[in-house]
Amino acid sequence: RRDGDVINLSLASRSGALRAEGGGGAPWGLGAFDAMKEGAMVAVMERRPSGEAEPLPLAWLLGNAGRALPKLRDALMGDRVALRVARSGEGAMEASLAIEVRDTEAAAVEGDRMLAAALSPTPEEARANPLGTMRPDFGGIEPRAVRTVDVASVLGPLAIARVGGLEPVLAWNYRRRHDGRAAAGAAGPGGAQSGPHSGWWTIGIGPSSVRRMSGQLVDGPAGGDEIRVPWLSVGVVRPARLLAQWSERGLPLPAAVARWRAVEEADWRVLGRPEGFVLGAGRITLAPADPK
């Protein structure tokens, strides 16, 4: 249905794969998503893909890159993933991906090791430049501290990243949730919670991007009064703003992509039910018509 400059959408379907998994998984509130979507050109939070369930919008956005997501042990992986693309205070683009984890300290050890291995030089690169191609393993020390690795040599062929103003620096950190949530039954002296603390592993291009998104995810509402729902996917995309930023950088826009300038904002919320029902609602807000 279209009402003026807004197109309202609704979804109702049934998924056998979702039913087999018992529905939409553990319920969660929207406090963290509401925080990270502020000022973003793209903000998506979804249940982490599992089993044979149909691809969700974030998996679609990431395309084949989704297969290259860091793979922690299942015991460490949380229920959600999130993506944020925004304009930084300096006018460049920033992009970060966050993965919910059940234990930030253990995830830091494993994640640091994995990224060090992934960024390690090939044997040929190591022989050609033994010192310049070293990639550090931060060993999980100070999980909340932002780690940075210059990946200019990796991004060299990707001139589009440089034109887009993205820093050729890969950054990441691991932040605890601020609601003090620890593993069940884990209590320290005086009843204080100890043991594994859940949180987010955030990876992005540029340290400022990672600091911003990780802070938004953990500094939001503690969640005690949040309404929790078995969400599958929630998101907002602002194509007109995103493509304007693209054009400012002098990047060409294919005609098929340029048409999306007509969309100011598209947002959606989709949840799953134990019976396998998928219910959702969305809205497309059109940009004001050009008076010319």
Protein backbone atom coordinates (compact mmCIF):
# COMPACT_ATOMS: atom_id res chain seq x y z
CA ARG A 1 0.00 0.00 0.00
CA ARG A 2 1.31 3.48 -0.86
CA ASP A 3 0.33 6.50 1.21
CA GLY A 4 1.73 9.67 -0.35
CA ASP A 5 5.52 9.45 -0.13
CA VAL A 6 5.52 6.30 2.02
CA ILE A 7 5.09 2.71 0.86
CA ASN A 8 4.07 0.34 3.67
CA LEU A 9 4.92 -3.34 3.33
CA SER A 10 3.93 -6.45 5.25
CA LEU A 11 5.17 -10.04 5.23
CA ALA A 12 3.56 -13.28 6.35
CA SER A 13 4.97 -16.66 5.37
CA ARG A 14 5.87 -20.03 6.80
CA SER A 15 9.32 -21.60 6.85
CA GLY A 16 9.91 -25.29 7.34
CA ALA A 17 13.55 -24.65 8.20
CA LEU A 18 12.56 -22.10 10.82
CA ARG A 19 10.02 -24.48 12.31
CA ALA A 20 12.65 -27.20 12.52
CA GLU A 21 14.87 -24.80 14.48
CA GLY A 22 12.07 -23.98 16.90
CA GLY A 23 11.31 -20.48 15.66
CA GLY A 24 13.27 -17.27 15.80
CA GLY A 25 15.64 -18.28 18.57
CA ALA A 26 16.20 -16.42 21.83
CA PRO A 27 14.25 -13.14 22.08
CA TRP A 28 16.16 -9.86 22.20
CA GLY A 29 15.37 -6.18 22.62
CA LEU A 30 16.04 -3.33 20.21
CA GLY A 31 18.02 -1.04 22.50
CA ALA A 32 21.40 -1.80 20.91
CA PHE A 33 20.00 -1.56 17.38
CA ASP A 34 18.27 1.76 18.11
CA ALA A 35 21.60 3.14 19.35
CA MET A 36 23.65 2.03 16.37
CA LYS A 37 21.17 3.16 13.72
CA GLU A 38 21.45 6.82 14.76
CA GLY A 39 23.28 8.70 12.01
CA ALA A 40 23.88 5.52 9.98
CA MET A 41 23.39 5.11 6.25
CA VAL A 42 23.06 1.35 6.73
CA ALA A 43 22.26 -0.40 10.02
CA VAL A 44 21.23 -4.04 10.21
CA MET A 45 21.01 -6.47 13.13
CA GLU A 46 20.02 -10.08 12.62
CA ARG A 47 19.93 -13.46 14.21
CA ARG A 48 23.13 -15.26 13.28
CA PRO A 49 22.59 -17.60 10.32
CA SER A 50 22.35 -21.24 11.32
CA GLY A 51 21.17 -24.54 9.92
CA GLU A 52 19.24 -24.50 6.67
CA ALA A 53 17.26 -21.33 7.37
CA GLU A 54 16.73 -18.96 4.46
CA PRO A 55 19.29 -16.13 3.98
CA LEU A 56 18.49 -12.94 5.85
CA PRO A 57 19.02 -9.38 4.52
CA LEU A 58 22.44 -8.99 6.16
CA ALA A 59 23.68 -12.16 4.49
CA TRP A 60 22.33 -10.78 1.21
CA LEU A 61 24.13 -7.45 1.73
CA LEU A 62 27.41 -9.19 2.47
CA GLY A 63 27.01 -11.57 -0.46
CA ASN A 64 29.83 -14.04 -0.80
CA ALA A 65 31.81 -12.10 1.79
CA GLY A 66 29.45 -13.55 4.36
CA ARG A 67 31.21 -16.88 3.92
CA ALA A 68 34.43 -15.25 5.09
CA LEU A 69 33.00 -14.14 8.43
CA PRO A 70 35.33 -15.04 11.30
CA LYS A 71 34.48 -18.50 12.57
CA LEU A 72 34.80 -18.83 16.32
CA ARG A 73 33.96 -22.04 18.12
CA ASP A 74 30.19 -22.46 18.39
CA ALA A 75 30.49 -22.33 22.16
CA LEU A 76 31.71 -18.72 21.87
CA MET A 77 29.28 -17.45 19.25
CA GLY A 78 26.30 -15.39 20.35
CA ASP A 79 22.94 -15.08 18.64
CA ARG A 80 23.35 -11.92 16.57
CA VAL A 81 25.40 -10.15 13.93
CA ALA A 82 25.23 -6.46 13.02
CA LEU A 83 26.47 -4.15 10.27
CA ARG A 84 26.82 -0.36 10.29
CA VAL A 85 27.88 2.02 7.50
CA ALA A 86 27.98 5.73 8.25
CA ARG A 87 29.65 9.03 7.48
CA SER A 88 32.41 9.84 9.93
CA GLY A 89 32.92 13.21 11.55
CA GLU A 90 35.69 13.86 9.03
CA GLY A 91 33.33 13.25 6.11
CA ALA A 92 34.73 9.86 5.10
CA MET A 93 32.80 6.62 5.09
CA GLU A 94 33.15 4.14 7.93
CA ALA A 95 31.99 0.54 8.02
CA SER A 96 31.97 -2.03 10.82
CA LEU A 97 30.68 -5.54 11.37
CA ALA A 98 29.90 -6.84 14.87
CA ILE A 99 29.48 -10.43 16.04
CA GLU A 100 27.87 -11.20 19.38
CA VAL A 101 30.00 -13.47 21.58
CA ARG A 102 29.29 -15.35 24.79
CA ASP A 103 32.70 -14.75 26.36
CA THR A 104 34.65 -11.63 25.37
CA GLU A 105 37.89 -12.74 26.99
CA ALA A 106 37.96 -16.16 25.30
CA ALA A 107 36.81 -14.63 22.02
CA ALA A 108 39.67 -12.13 22.18
CA VAL A 109 42.28 -14.89 22.40
CA GLU A 110 40.75 -16.88 19.59
CA GLY A 111 39.83 -13.91 17.41
CA ASP A 112 43.27 -12.32 17.66
CA ARG A 113 44.88 -15.61 16.68
CA MET A 114 42.53 -16.05 13.72
CA LEU A 115 43.04 -12.55 12.35
CA ALA A 116 46.82 -12.80 12.73
CA ALA A 117 46.70 -16.00 10.68
CA ALA A 118 44.34 -14.50 8.10
CA LEU A 119 46.58 -11.46 7.63
CA SER A 120 49.81 -13.41 7.58
CA PRO A 121 51.87 -13.08 4.40
CA THR A 122 52.18 -15.77 1.82
CA PRO A 123 55.56 -17.57 1.76
CA GLU A 124 56.51 -15.47 -1.28
CA GLU A 125 55.68 -12.18 0.52
CA ALA A 126 57.59 -13.26 3.61
CA ARG A 127 60.70 -14.07 1.59
CA ALA A 128 60.50 -10.77 -0.29
CA ASN A 129 59.99 -8.62 2.78
CA PRO A 130 60.52 -10.55 6.05
CA LEU A 131 59.90 -7.59 8.37
CA GLY A 132 57.40 -5.49 6.47
CA THR A 133 54.82 -8.25 6.23
CA MET A 134 54.67 -9.32 9.87
CA ARG A 135 51.14 -9.44 11.36
CA PRO A 136 50.96 -9.35 15.16
CA ASP A 137 48.93 -11.72 17.31
CA PHE A 138 47.68 -9.54 20.17
CA GLY A 139 47.01 -12.63 22.28
CA GLY A 140 43.69 -11.50 23.71
CA ILE A 141 45.33 -8.88 25.96
CA GLU A 142 42.96 -6.06 27.04
CA PRO A 143 39.98 -7.18 24.94
CA ARG A 144 38.28 -3.77 24.90
CA ALA A 145 41.38 -2.05 23.51
CA VAL A 146 41.18 -1.36 19.78
CA ARG A 147 43.73 -3.34 17.77
CA THR A 148 44.90 -1.89 14.44
CA VAL A 149 46.79 -3.36 11.50
CA ASP A 150 47.73 -1.41 8.39
CA VAL A 151 46.33 -3.34 5.44
CA ALA A 152 47.28 -0.86 2.71
CA SER A 153 49.23 -3.58 0.92
CA VAL A 154 46.13 -5.76 0.90
CA LEU A 155 43.81 -2.96 -0.21
CA GLY A 156 46.24 -1.73 -2.83
CA PRO A 157 44.24 -3.05 -5.80
CA LEU A 158 41.00 -1.82 -4.21
CA ALA A 159 41.36 1.82 -5.21
CA ILE A 160 37.66 2.27 -4.57
CA ALA A 161 38.30 1.98 -0.84
CA ARG A 162 40.79 4.82 -0.94
CA VAL A 163 38.58 7.03 -3.08
CA GLY A 164 35.72 6.35 -0.68
CA GLY A 165 37.81 7.80 2.12
CA LEU A 166 38.04 4.54 4.05
CA GLU A 167 41.20 4.20 6.11
CA PRO A 168 43.46 1.33 4.97
CA VAL A 169 43.56 0.15 8.58
CA LEU A 170 41.76 -2.91 9.88
CA ALA A 171 40.63 -2.43 13.47
CA TRP A 172 38.79 -4.57 16.01
CA ASN A 173 37.99 -4.96 19.69
CA TYR A 174 35.86 -6.98 22.11
CA ARG A 175 33.48 -5.16 24.45
CA ARG A 176 31.48 -6.54 27.36
CA ARG A 177 27.83 -5.79 27.70
CA HIS A 178 27.19 -3.21 30.39
CA ASP A 179 24.34 -5.08 32.05
CA GLY A 180 26.84 -7.21 33.99
CA ARG A 181 25.59 -10.39 32.36
CA ALA A 182 27.84 -13.36 33.11
CA ALA A 183 27.48 -17.09 32.77
CA ALA A 184 24.71 -18.55 34.91
CA GLY A 185 25.84 -19.40 38.40
CA ALA A 186 29.18 -17.60 38.06
CA ALA A 187 29.59 -15.52 41.20
CA GLY A 188 32.71 -14.09 42.73
CA PRO A 189 33.47 -12.82 46.24
CA GLY A 190 30.57 -10.97 47.81
CA GLY A 191 28.16 -12.31 45.21
CA ALA A 192 29.65 -10.28 42.36
CA GLN A 193 29.34 -11.89 38.98
CA SER A 194 32.47 -13.39 37.49
CA GLY A 195 33.27 -15.84 34.75
CA PRO A 196 32.40 -15.40 31.07
CA HIS A 197 30.80 -12.10 30.08
CA SER A 198 28.88 -11.76 26.84
CA GLY A 199 29.44 -8.86 24.50
CA TRP A 200 30.40 -7.93 20.94
CA TRP A 201 33.41 -8.46 18.70
CA THR A 202 33.51 -5.48 16.35
CA ILE A 203 35.67 -5.41 13.22
CA GLY A 204 35.90 -2.43 10.90
CA ILE A 205 37.91 -0.21 8.63
CA GLY A 206 39.49 2.46 10.80
CA PRO A 207 39.67 2.58 14.62
CA SER A 208 37.11 5.38 14.95
CA SER A 209 34.52 3.21 13.21
CA VAL A 210 35.11 0.36 15.65
CA ARG A 211 35.09 2.59 18.74
CA ARG A 212 31.83 4.20 17.67
CA MET A 213 29.93 1.01 16.86
CA SER A 214 31.19 -1.04 19.79
CA GLY A 215 30.27 1.80 22.13
CA GLN A 216 26.78 2.05 20.66
CA LEU A 217 26.24 -1.68 21.11
CA VAL A 218 27.29 -1.90 24.75
CA ASP A 219 26.56 1.57 26.12
CA GLY A 220 22.86 1.50 25.21
CA PRO A 221 20.01 0.54 27.56
CA ALA A 222 20.88 -2.27 29.96
CA GLY A 223 17.87 -4.14 28.69
CA GLY A 224 16.02 -4.82 31.93
CA ASP A 225 12.88 -3.02 30.76
CA GLU A 226 13.21 -3.86 27.09
CA ILE A 227 10.50 -5.80 25.33
CA ARG A 228 12.22 -8.90 24.00
CA VAL A 229 10.99 -10.52 20.80
CA PRO A 230 12.38 -13.39 18.68
CA TRP A 231 13.51 -11.02 15.95
CA LEU A 232 15.06 -12.46 12.83
CA SER A 233 16.12 -9.19 11.24
CA VAL A 234 15.75 -5.47 11.85
CA GLY A 235 17.32 -2.82 9.71
CA VAL A 236 17.34 0.56 8.06
CA VAL A 237 18.99 1.65 4.81
CA ARG A 238 19.16 5.27 3.64
CA PRO A 239 20.03 5.05 -0.08
CA ALA A 240 19.75 8.77 -0.92
CA ARG A 241 22.27 9.67 1.79
CA LEU A 242 24.56 6.76 0.93
CA LEU A 243 24.64 7.55 -2.79
CA ALA A 244 25.19 11.26 -2.12
CA GLN A 245 28.27 10.32 -0.10
CA TRP A 246 29.35 8.04 -2.95
CA SER A 247 29.00 10.85 -5.50
CA GLU A 248 30.92 13.31 -3.31
CA ARG A 249 33.89 10.98 -3.62
CA GLY A 250 33.73 11.14 -7.40
CA LEU A 251 32.77 7.50 -7.77
CA PRO A 252 30.67 6.56 -10.82
CA LEU A 253 27.09 5.43 -10.27
CA PRO A 254 25.57 2.88 -12.66
CA ALA A 255 22.13 3.96 -13.85
CA ALA A 256 20.47 1.02 -12.10
CA VAL A 257 22.04 2.08 -8.79
CA ALA A 258 21.44 5.82 -9.28
CA ARG A 259 17.68 5.19 -9.34
CA TRP A 260 17.84 4.38 -5.63
CA ARG A 261 18.40 8.08 -4.97
CA ALA A 262 14.61 8.28 -5.05
CA VAL A 263 14.48 6.35 -1.75
CA GLU A 264 15.12 8.37 1.39
CA GLU A 265 14.83 5.43 3.78
CA ALA A 266 13.81 1.79 3.88
CA ASP A 267 13.32 0.03 7.20
CA TRP A 268 12.01 -3.35 8.28
CA ARG A 269 11.40 -5.62 11.25
CA VAL A 270 10.93 -9.37 10.86
CA LEU A 271 10.31 -11.93 13.59
CA GLY A 272 9.96 -15.72 13.73
CA ARG A 273 7.44 -17.84 15.58
CA PRO A 274 7.93 -21.38 16.95
CA GLU A 275 5.37 -22.69 14.48
CA GLY A 276 7.64 -21.54 11.66
CA PHE A 277 5.70 -18.40 10.81
CA VAL A 278 7.69 -15.40 9.59
CA LEU A 279 5.98 -12.08 10.22
CA GLY A 280 7.30 -8.69 9.22
CA ALA A 281 6.58 -5.10 8.38
CA GLY A 282 8.53 -2.54 6.42
CA ARG A 283 8.34 0.97 5.12
CA ILE A 284 9.88 2.74 2.14
CA THR A 285 10.04 6.52 2.41
CA LEU A 286 10.60 8.27 -0.90
CA ALA A 287 12.93 11.24 -1.15
CA PRO A 288 11.35 14.63 -1.92
CA ALA A 289 10.91 15.15 -5.63
CA ASP A 290 13.52 17.33 -7.34
CA PRO A 291 11.76 20.67 -8.04
CA LYS A 292 13.65 20.86 -11.33
